Amino acid sequence: MEPLAENTIRASFANCSKGEAKRLALPGKLTEIDWAELDFLGWRDPKATNNGYLVFPRGGEVVGLALAATPGRIKQSMCAFCLTTHGTGDVALFAARRAGAAGKLGNTVGTYLCADLACSLYVRGRRKPSVPNPKESLSTEERAERMLANLNRFADEVLAE
């Protein structure tokens, strides 16, 4: 993933107001992020831990989605993006408000994701899940492509008018 500036990240959010995007907490110092290891930027707000954010390239643009995690612990489960299996508490149900009029009516789309939103690191073996995962015959590149396809299917639902 190419490095992104703060103003690009804040302007990318498609399912929250400009004011909400301006107030959201960014993931620390952007200059310290290892962008080459990421297929998308995902992070949780350290002060409002139920808030999560995804920013990713899509169709020549950068798209951001604001997420809300449902409180509670889930037993062993699999992330819908990277297909990594995690133990208790390491997968969370995230809901994204739909873009446009549907979102203003309170409609959301939900999915189960890595609780830390570090899917790119799990795909590349840079972070290990809490439970052993079966070996895959796909290359790292193929797994990253599959993850991005899953992310884009989710984004299609969130962004659909």
N, C-alpha and C. Protein backbone atom coordinates (compact mmCIF):
# COMPACT_ATOMS: atom_id res chain seq x y z
N MET A 1 0.85 -1.18 0.00
CA MET A 1 0.00 0.00 0.00
C MET A 1 0.89 1.24 0.00
N GLU A 2 0.48 2.24 -0.73
CA GLU A 2 1.21 3.51 -0.79
C GLU A 2 0.95 4.31 0.49
N PRO A 3 1.96 5.04 0.99
CA PRO A 3 1.75 5.89 2.17
C PRO A 3 0.66 6.93 1.93
N LEU A 4 -0.11 7.20 2.98
CA LEU A 4 -1.20 8.16 2.90
C LEU A 4 -0.98 9.29 3.90
N ALA A 5 -1.37 10.48 3.50
CA ALA A 5 -1.29 11.65 4.38
C ALA A 5 -2.58 11.73 5.21
N GLU A 6 -2.49 12.45 6.32
CA GLU A 6 -3.64 12.60 7.21
C GLU A 6 -4.86 13.16 6.49
N ASN A 7 -4.67 14.19 5.66
CA ASN A 7 -5.83 14.79 4.98
C ASN A 7 -6.46 13.82 3.98
N THR A 8 -5.67 12.96 3.35
CA THR A 8 -6.20 11.95 2.43
C THR A 8 -7.02 10.93 3.20
N ILE A 9 -6.52 10.50 4.34
CA ILE A 9 -7.24 9.52 5.16
C ILE A 9 -8.56 10.11 5.62
N ARG A 10 -8.54 11.29 6.17
CA ARG A 10 -9.77 11.90 6.70
C ARG A 10 -10.80 12.16 5.59
N ALA A 11 -10.34 12.55 4.40
CA ALA A 11 -11.24 12.82 3.28
C ALA A 11 -11.81 11.54 2.66
N SER A 12 -11.21 10.40 2.96
CA SER A 12 -11.61 9.14 2.31
C SER A 12 -12.88 8.52 2.87
N PHE A 13 -13.31 8.93 4.06
CA PHE A 13 -14.41 8.23 4.73
C PHE A 13 -15.74 8.45 4.02
N ALA A 14 -16.36 7.33 3.64
CA ALA A 14 -17.58 7.35 2.84
C ALA A 14 -18.84 7.14 3.67
N ASN A 15 -18.70 6.69 4.90
CA ASN A 15 -19.90 6.36 5.68
C ASN A 15 -19.97 7.10 7.02
N CYS A 16 -19.36 8.28 7.05
CA CYS A 16 -19.52 9.15 8.23
C CYS A 16 -19.44 10.59 7.76
N SER A 17 -19.85 11.50 8.60
CA SER A 17 -19.84 12.92 8.23
C SER A 17 -18.41 13.45 8.20
N LYS A 18 -18.23 14.59 7.56
CA LYS A 18 -16.91 15.23 7.52
C LYS A 18 -16.44 15.59 8.92
N GLY A 19 -17.39 15.99 9.77
CA GLY A 19 -17.06 16.31 11.16
C GLY A 19 -16.58 15.10 11.92
N GLU A 20 -17.26 13.97 11.73
CA GLU A 20 -16.83 12.72 12.39
C GLU A 20 -15.45 12.31 11.89
N ALA A 21 -15.22 12.42 10.58
CA ALA A 21 -13.91 12.07 10.02
C ALA A 21 -12.81 12.99 10.56
N LYS A 22 -13.15 14.24 10.76
CA LYS A 22 -12.16 15.20 11.29
C LYS A 22 -11.79 14.87 12.74
N ARG A 23 -12.74 14.34 13.51
CA ARG A 23 -12.51 14.06 14.93
C ARG A 23 -11.95 12.68 15.22
N LEU A 24 -11.98 11.75 14.27
CA LEU A 24 -11.55 10.39 14.58
C LEU A 24 -10.06 10.32 14.86
N ALA A 25 -9.68 9.40 15.72
CA ALA A 25 -8.28 9.22 16.10
C ALA A 25 -7.55 8.44 15.02
N LEU A 26 -6.42 8.97 14.56
CA LEU A 26 -5.61 8.28 13.56
C LEU A 26 -4.70 7.26 14.25
N PRO A 27 -4.13 6.34 13.48
CA PRO A 27 -3.35 5.25 14.07
C PRO A 27 -1.91 5.64 14.42
N GLY A 28 -1.73 6.61 15.26
CA GLY A 28 -0.38 7.00 15.66
C GLY A 28 0.30 7.84 14.60
N LYS A 29 1.62 7.79 14.58
CA LYS A 29 2.40 8.57 13.62
C LYS A 29 2.40 7.86 12.27
N LEU A 30 1.84 8.51 11.28
CA LEU A 30 1.73 7.91 9.95
C LEU A 30 3.10 7.63 9.33
N THR A 31 4.11 8.42 9.70
CA THR A 31 5.45 8.22 9.15
C THR A 31 6.12 6.97 9.70
N GLU A 32 5.61 6.42 10.80
CA GLU A 32 6.21 5.22 11.39
C GLU A 32 5.52 3.92 10.95
N ILE A 33 4.50 4.02 10.10
CA ILE A 33 3.78 2.84 9.62
C ILE A 33 4.59 2.18 8.51
N ASP A 34 4.71 0.87 8.55
CA ASP A 34 5.39 0.12 7.49
C ASP A 34 4.37 -0.14 6.38
N TRP A 35 4.19 0.83 5.51
CA TRP A 35 3.16 0.79 4.48
C TRP A 35 3.36 -0.38 3.52
N ALA A 36 4.60 -0.80 3.29
CA ALA A 36 4.87 -1.90 2.35
C ALA A 36 4.28 -3.22 2.83
N GLU A 37 4.02 -3.35 4.13
CA GLU A 37 3.46 -4.58 4.70
C GLU A 37 1.93 -4.58 4.70
N LEU A 38 1.31 -3.49 4.25
CA LEU A 38 -0.15 -3.37 4.36
C LEU A 38 -0.83 -3.43 3.00
N ASP A 39 -1.98 -4.08 2.99
CA ASP A 39 -2.87 -4.06 1.84
C ASP A 39 -3.98 -3.06 2.08
N PHE A 40 -4.27 -2.80 3.35
CA PHE A 40 -5.19 -1.76 3.78
C PHE A 40 -4.76 -1.31 5.16
N LEU A 41 -5.13 -0.10 5.51
CA LEU A 41 -4.83 0.44 6.83
C LEU A 41 -6.04 0.19 7.72
N GLY A 42 -5.86 -0.55 8.78
CA GLY A 42 -6.94 -0.83 9.72
C GLY A 42 -6.47 -0.56 11.14
N TRP A 43 -7.31 0.10 11.94
CA TRP A 43 -6.92 0.38 13.32
C TRP A 43 -8.15 0.57 14.19
N ARG A 44 -7.91 0.42 15.50
CA ARG A 44 -8.94 0.68 16.51
C ARG A 44 -8.58 1.97 17.23
N ASP A 45 -9.60 2.70 17.66
CA ASP A 45 -9.40 3.93 18.41
C ASP A 45 -9.01 3.55 19.83
N PRO A 46 -7.83 3.95 20.31
CA PRO A 46 -7.41 3.56 21.65
C PRO A 46 -8.27 4.14 22.78
N LYS A 47 -8.94 5.26 22.51
CA LYS A 47 -9.77 5.89 23.55
C LYS A 47 -11.23 5.47 23.45
N ALA A 48 -11.67 5.05 22.29
CA ALA A 48 -13.04 4.57 22.08
C ALA A 48 -12.90 3.20 21.40
N THR A 49 -12.59 2.19 22.20
CA THR A 49 -12.16 0.89 21.66
C THR A 49 -13.20 0.18 20.81
N ASN A 50 -14.44 0.59 20.85
CA ASN A 50 -15.44 -0.02 19.98
C ASN A 50 -15.39 0.55 18.57
N ASN A 51 -14.61 1.62 18.36
CA ASN A 51 -14.50 2.23 17.04
C ASN A 51 -13.30 1.65 16.29
N GLY A 52 -13.53 1.28 15.04
CA GLY A 52 -12.47 0.79 14.17
C GLY A 52 -12.58 1.47 12.82
N TYR A 53 -11.49 1.45 12.08
CA TYR A 53 -11.45 2.16 10.80
C TYR A 53 -10.67 1.35 9.78
N LEU A 54 -11.14 1.37 8.54
CA LEU A 54 -10.46 0.75 7.41
C LEU A 54 -10.25 1.81 6.33
N VAL A 55 -9.05 1.88 5.78
CA VAL A 55 -8.76 2.78 4.66
C VAL A 55 -8.01 1.95 3.64
N PHE A 56 -8.47 1.99 2.37
CA PHE A 56 -7.89 1.09 1.37
C PHE A 56 -8.06 1.67 -0.03
N PRO A 57 -7.16 1.25 -0.94
CA PRO A 57 -7.30 1.69 -2.33
C PRO A 57 -8.45 0.93 -2.99
N ARG A 58 -9.25 1.65 -3.78
CA ARG A 58 -10.40 1.04 -4.45
C ARG A 58 -10.70 1.83 -5.71
N GLY A 59 -10.53 1.19 -6.85
CA GLY A 59 -10.84 1.83 -8.12
C GLY A 59 -10.11 3.13 -8.37
N GLY A 60 -8.83 3.19 -8.01
CA GLY A 60 -8.05 4.40 -8.24
C GLY A 60 -8.24 5.48 -7.19
N GLU A 61 -9.08 5.22 -6.20
CA GLU A 61 -9.31 6.18 -5.11
C GLU A 61 -8.94 5.53 -3.78
N VAL A 62 -9.00 6.31 -2.75
CA VAL A 62 -8.82 5.80 -1.39
C VAL A 62 -10.17 5.88 -0.71
N VAL A 63 -10.62 4.78 -0.13
CA VAL A 63 -11.92 4.72 0.54
C VAL A 63 -11.70 4.39 2.01
N GLY A 64 -12.41 5.09 2.86
CA GLY A 64 -12.36 4.83 4.29
C GLY A 64 -13.73 4.41 4.78
N LEU A 65 -13.75 3.44 5.69
CA LEU A 65 -15.00 2.99 6.31
C LEU A 65 -14.84 3.05 7.82
N ALA A 66 -15.80 3.69 8.47
CA ALA A 66 -15.85 3.71 9.93
C ALA A 66 -16.65 2.50 10.39
N LEU A 67 -16.14 1.80 11.40
CA LEU A 67 -16.76 0.58 11.92
C LEU A 67 -17.05 0.73 13.41
N ALA A 68 -18.00 -0.04 13.88
CA ALA A 68 -18.28 -0.12 15.31
C ALA A 68 -18.26 -1.59 15.70
N ALA A 69 -17.45 -1.92 16.69
CA ALA A 69 -17.37 -3.30 17.18
C ALA A 69 -18.46 -3.54 18.21
N THR A 70 -19.06 -4.70 18.13
CA THR A 70 -20.06 -5.10 19.12
C THR A 70 -19.33 -5.59 20.36
N PRO A 71 -19.69 -5.08 21.53
CA PRO A 71 -19.02 -5.56 22.74
C PRO A 71 -19.34 -7.03 23.00
N GLY A 72 -18.42 -7.69 23.62
CA GLY A 72 -18.62 -9.10 23.94
C GLY A 72 -17.49 -9.93 23.38
N ARG A 73 -17.38 -11.13 23.88
CA ARG A 73 -16.31 -12.04 23.46
C ARG A 73 -16.91 -13.15 22.61
N ILE A 74 -16.24 -13.44 21.52
CA ILE A 74 -16.66 -14.49 20.62
C ILE A 74 -15.69 -15.65 20.77
N LYS A 75 -16.22 -16.85 20.85
CA LYS A 75 -15.34 -18.01 20.91
C LYS A 75 -14.60 -18.14 19.60
N GLN A 76 -13.76 -19.10 19.48
CA GLN A 76 -12.94 -19.27 18.30
C GLN A 76 -13.74 -19.02 17.03
N SER A 77 -13.18 -18.19 16.16
CA SER A 77 -13.89 -17.81 14.94
C SER A 77 -12.88 -17.44 13.87
N MET A 78 -13.40 -17.17 12.66
CA MET A 78 -12.55 -16.86 11.52
C MET A 78 -12.87 -15.46 11.00
N CYS A 79 -11.83 -14.72 10.64
CA CYS A 79 -11.98 -13.40 10.05
C CYS A 79 -12.53 -13.54 8.63
N ALA A 80 -13.51 -12.71 8.30
CA ALA A 80 -14.12 -12.76 6.97
C ALA A 80 -13.22 -12.18 5.89
N PHE A 81 -12.23 -11.39 6.24
CA PHE A 81 -11.33 -10.81 5.24
C PHE A 81 -10.14 -11.73 4.96
N CYS A 82 -9.35 -12.04 5.98
CA CYS A 82 -8.10 -12.78 5.76
C CYS A 82 -8.24 -14.28 6.00
N LEU A 83 -9.38 -14.72 6.52
CA LEU A 83 -9.67 -16.13 6.80
C LEU A 83 -8.71 -16.74 7.82
N THR A 84 -8.20 -15.90 8.72
CA THR A 84 -7.39 -16.37 9.83
C THR A 84 -8.32 -16.80 10.96
N THR A 85 -8.07 -17.97 11.52
CA THR A 85 -8.84 -18.45 12.66
C THR A 85 -8.17 -17.93 13.93
N HIS A 86 -8.99 -17.40 14.83
CA HIS A 86 -8.50 -16.84 16.09
C HIS A 86 -9.22 -17.48 17.27
N GLY A 87 -8.59 -17.38 18.42
CA GLY A 87 -9.20 -17.84 19.65
C GLY A 87 -10.14 -16.80 20.23
N THR A 88 -10.66 -17.09 21.40
CA THR A 88 -11.63 -16.24 22.09
C THR A 88 -11.13 -14.80 22.20
N GLY A 89 -11.97 -13.87 21.78
CA GLY A 89 -11.67 -12.46 21.93
C GLY A 89 -10.84 -11.84 20.83
N ASP A 90 -10.30 -12.64 19.92
CA ASP A 90 -9.43 -12.10 18.87
C ASP A 90 -10.17 -11.86 17.55
N VAL A 91 -11.48 -12.15 17.54
CA VAL A 91 -12.35 -11.82 16.41
C VAL A 91 -13.50 -11.02 16.99
N ALA A 92 -13.90 -9.97 16.27
CA ALA A 92 -14.99 -9.13 16.75
C ALA A 92 -16.00 -8.92 15.63
N LEU A 93 -17.25 -8.74 16.00
CA LEU A 93 -18.29 -8.39 15.04
C LEU A 93 -18.23 -6.88 14.86
N PHE A 94 -17.94 -6.44 13.63
CA PHE A 94 -17.89 -5.03 13.29
C PHE A 94 -19.07 -4.69 12.40
N ALA A 95 -19.67 -3.53 12.65
CA ALA A 95 -20.76 -3.04 11.82
C ALA A 95 -20.34 -1.70 11.22
N ALA A 96 -20.62 -1.53 9.94
CA ALA A 96 -20.34 -0.27 9.26
C ALA A 96 -21.67 0.34 8.84
N ARG A 97 -21.87 1.60 9.19
CA ARG A 97 -23.06 2.31 8.74
C ARG A 97 -23.01 2.40 7.22
N ARG A 98 -24.13 2.13 6.55
CA ARG A 98 -24.17 2.23 5.09
C ARG A 98 -23.97 3.68 4.68
N ALA A 99 -23.42 3.86 3.50
CA ALA A 99 -23.23 5.21 2.96
C ALA A 99 -24.57 5.76 2.48
N GLY A 100 -24.67 7.07 2.41
CA GLY A 100 -25.84 7.73 1.84
C GLY A 100 -27.07 7.69 2.71
N ALA A 101 -28.22 7.71 2.03
CA ALA A 101 -29.51 7.80 2.72
C ALA A 101 -29.76 6.60 3.63
N ALA A 102 -29.35 5.42 3.19
CA ALA A 102 -29.56 4.22 4.01
C ALA A 102 -28.84 4.35 5.35
N GLY A 103 -27.63 4.89 5.33
CA GLY A 103 -26.88 5.08 6.56
C GLY A 103 -27.51 6.11 7.47
N LYS A 104 -28.08 7.13 6.88
CA LYS A 104 -28.76 8.16 7.69
C LYS A 104 -29.99 7.61 8.38
N LEU A 105 -30.54 6.53 7.81
CA LEU A 105 -31.68 5.85 8.44
C LEU A 105 -31.23 4.83 9.49
N GLY A 106 -29.92 4.67 9.63
CA GLY A 106 -29.39 3.75 10.64
C GLY A 106 -29.09 2.36 10.13
N ASN A 107 -29.13 2.13 8.83
CA ASN A 107 -28.84 0.81 8.28
C ASN A 107 -27.34 0.52 8.32
N THR A 108 -26.99 -0.71 8.67
CA THR A 108 -25.59 -1.11 8.78
C THR A 108 -25.36 -2.44 8.08
N VAL A 109 -24.09 -2.74 7.88
CA VAL A 109 -23.63 -4.03 7.36
C VAL A 109 -22.60 -4.55 8.36
N GLY A 110 -22.72 -5.80 8.76
CA GLY A 110 -21.80 -6.35 9.75
C GLY A 110 -21.01 -7.53 9.22
N THR A 111 -19.85 -7.75 9.83
CA THR A 111 -19.02 -8.90 9.51
C THR A 111 -18.05 -9.17 10.66
N TYR A 112 -17.55 -10.38 10.72
CA TYR A 112 -16.57 -10.76 11.74
C TYR A 112 -15.17 -10.56 11.19
N LEU A 113 -14.35 -9.80 11.94
CA LEU A 113 -12.99 -9.47 11.50
C LEU A 113 -11.99 -9.68 12.63
N CYS A 114 -10.72 -9.73 12.26
CA CYS A 114 -9.66 -9.75 13.27
C CYS A 114 -9.89 -8.55 14.18
N ALA A 115 -9.91 -8.77 15.47
CA ALA A 115 -10.23 -7.70 16.42
C ALA A 115 -9.24 -6.54 16.33
N ASP A 116 -8.00 -6.84 15.97
CA ASP A 116 -6.99 -5.78 15.87
C ASP A 116 -6.90 -5.18 14.47
N LEU A 117 -7.71 -5.67 13.53
CA LEU A 117 -7.76 -5.19 12.15
C LEU A 117 -6.40 -5.26 11.47
N ALA A 118 -5.58 -6.23 11.85
CA ALA A 118 -4.23 -6.39 11.29
C ALA A 118 -4.16 -7.54 10.29
N CYS A 119 -5.19 -7.68 9.48
CA CYS A 119 -5.28 -8.79 8.53
C CYS A 119 -4.06 -8.91 7.64
N SER A 120 -3.53 -7.80 7.14
CA SER A 120 -2.36 -7.84 6.26
C SER A 120 -1.17 -8.51 6.95
N LEU A 121 -1.02 -8.26 8.23
CA LEU A 121 0.10 -8.85 8.97
C LEU A 121 -0.10 -10.35 9.17
N TYR A 122 -1.32 -10.80 9.38
CA TYR A 122 -1.59 -12.23 9.50
C TYR A 122 -1.36 -12.93 8.17
N VAL A 123 -1.79 -12.32 7.07
CA VAL A 123 -1.61 -12.91 5.74
C VAL A 123 -0.12 -13.08 5.43
N ARG A 124 0.70 -12.13 5.85
CA ARG A 124 2.13 -12.17 5.57
C ARG A 124 2.94 -12.92 6.62
N GLY A 125 2.28 -13.44 7.66
CA GLY A 125 3.00 -14.16 8.70
C GLY A 125 3.78 -13.26 9.63
N ARG A 126 3.52 -11.96 9.60
CA ARG A 126 4.22 -11.00 10.47
C ARG A 126 3.61 -10.97 11.87
N ARG A 127 2.40 -11.46 11.98
CA ARG A 127 1.72 -11.58 13.27
C ARG A 127 1.09 -12.96 13.30
N LYS A 128 1.21 -13.63 14.43
CA LYS A 128 0.69 -14.99 14.57
C LYS A 128 -0.62 -14.97 15.34
N PRO A 129 -1.62 -15.74 14.86
CA PRO A 129 -2.89 -15.84 15.60
C PRO A 129 -2.69 -16.66 16.87
N SER A 130 -3.64 -16.54 17.79
CA SER A 130 -3.53 -17.21 19.08
C SER A 130 -3.78 -18.72 19.00
N VAL A 131 -4.32 -19.19 17.90
CA VAL A 131 -4.52 -20.64 17.70
C VAL A 131 -3.87 -21.03 16.38
N PRO A 132 -3.38 -22.27 16.28
CA PRO A 132 -2.76 -22.69 15.02
C PRO A 132 -3.77 -22.72 13.88
N ASN A 133 -3.33 -22.29 12.72
CA ASN A 133 -4.16 -22.30 11.52
C ASN A 133 -3.65 -23.37 10.57
N PRO A 134 -4.54 -23.97 9.79
CA PRO A 134 -4.09 -24.96 8.81
C PRO A 134 -3.20 -24.31 7.75
N LYS A 135 -2.28 -25.09 7.23
CA LYS A 135 -1.42 -24.60 6.15
C LYS A 135 -2.26 -24.44 4.89
N GLU A 136 -1.93 -23.42 4.13
CA GLU A 136 -2.63 -23.17 2.86
C GLU A 136 -1.67 -23.38 1.70
N SER A 137 -2.23 -23.80 0.57
CA SER A 137 -1.41 -23.98 -0.63
C SER A 137 -1.26 -22.68 -1.41
N LEU A 138 -2.02 -21.65 -1.05
CA LEU A 138 -1.93 -20.36 -1.74
C LEU A 138 -0.67 -19.62 -1.32
N SER A 139 -0.12 -18.86 -2.26
CA SER A 139 1.03 -18.02 -1.94
C SER A 139 0.56 -16.82 -1.11
N THR A 140 1.51 -16.12 -0.54
CA THR A 140 1.19 -14.92 0.22
C THR A 140 0.47 -13.91 -0.67
N GLU A 141 0.94 -13.76 -1.90
CA GLU A 141 0.31 -12.83 -2.84
C GLU A 141 -1.13 -13.23 -3.12
N GLU A 142 -1.38 -14.52 -3.33
CA GLU A 142 -2.74 -15.00 -3.60
C GLU A 142 -3.64 -14.81 -2.38
N ARG A 143 -3.09 -15.02 -1.20
CA ARG A 143 -3.87 -14.81 0.03
C ARG A 143 -4.20 -13.33 0.20
N ALA A 144 -3.25 -12.44 -0.13
CA ALA A 144 -3.50 -11.00 -0.05
C ALA A 144 -4.58 -10.59 -1.06
N GLU A 145 -4.53 -11.15 -2.27
CA GLU A 145 -5.56 -10.84 -3.28
C GLU A 145 -6.93 -11.31 -2.81
N ARG A 146 -7.00 -12.50 -2.21
CA ARG A 146 -8.27 -13.02 -1.70
C ARG A 146 -8.81 -12.11 -0.59
N MET A 147 -7.91 -11.66 0.30
CA MET A 147 -8.31 -10.78 1.39
C MET A 147 -8.88 -9.47 0.85
N LEU A 148 -8.22 -8.89 -0.14
CA LEU A 148 -8.69 -7.64 -0.72
C LEU A 148 -10.02 -7.84 -1.45
N ALA A 149 -10.21 -8.99 -2.09
CA ALA A 149 -11.49 -9.29 -2.73
C ALA A 149 -12.60 -9.36 -1.68
N ASN A 150 -12.31 -9.98 -0.54
CA ASN A 150 -13.30 -10.06 0.55
C ASN A 150 -13.59 -8.68 1.12
N LEU A 151 -12.56 -7.86 1.30
CA LEU A 151 -12.74 -6.49 1.77
C LEU A 151 -13.60 -5.70 0.79
N ASN A 152 -13.34 -5.84 -0.50
CA ASN A 152 -14.10 -5.09 -1.50
C ASN A 152 -15.55 -5.56 -1.60
N ARG A 153 -15.83 -6.83 -1.36
CA ARG A 153 -17.23 -7.30 -1.33
C ARG A 153 -17.97 -6.65 -0.16
N PHE A 154 -17.29 -6.56 0.99
CA PHE A 154 -17.88 -5.88 2.14
C PHE A 154 -18.12 -4.41 1.81
N ALA A 155 -17.12 -3.76 1.20
CA ALA A 155 -17.26 -2.35 0.83
C ALA A 155 -18.40 -2.14 -0.17
N ASP A 156 -18.58 -3.08 -1.10
CA ASP A 156 -19.69 -2.98 -2.05
C ASP A 156 -21.03 -2.88 -1.31
N GLU A 157 -21.18 -3.68 -0.25
CA GLU A 157 -22.42 -3.65 0.52
C GLU A 157 -22.59 -2.34 1.27
N VAL A 158 -21.50 -1.86 1.86
CA VAL A 158 -21.55 -0.61 2.64
C VAL A 158 -21.83 0.58 1.73
N LEU A 159 -21.23 0.60 0.56
CA LEU A 159 -21.32 1.76 -0.34
C LEU A 159 -22.51 1.73 -1.27
N ALA A 160 -23.23 0.60 -1.34
CA ALA A 160 -24.39 0.49 -2.23
C ALA A 160 -25.48 1.47 -1.83
N GLU A 161 -26.02 2.15 -2.80
CA GLU A 161 -27.11 3.11 -2.54
C GLU A 161 -28.45 2.39 -2.56
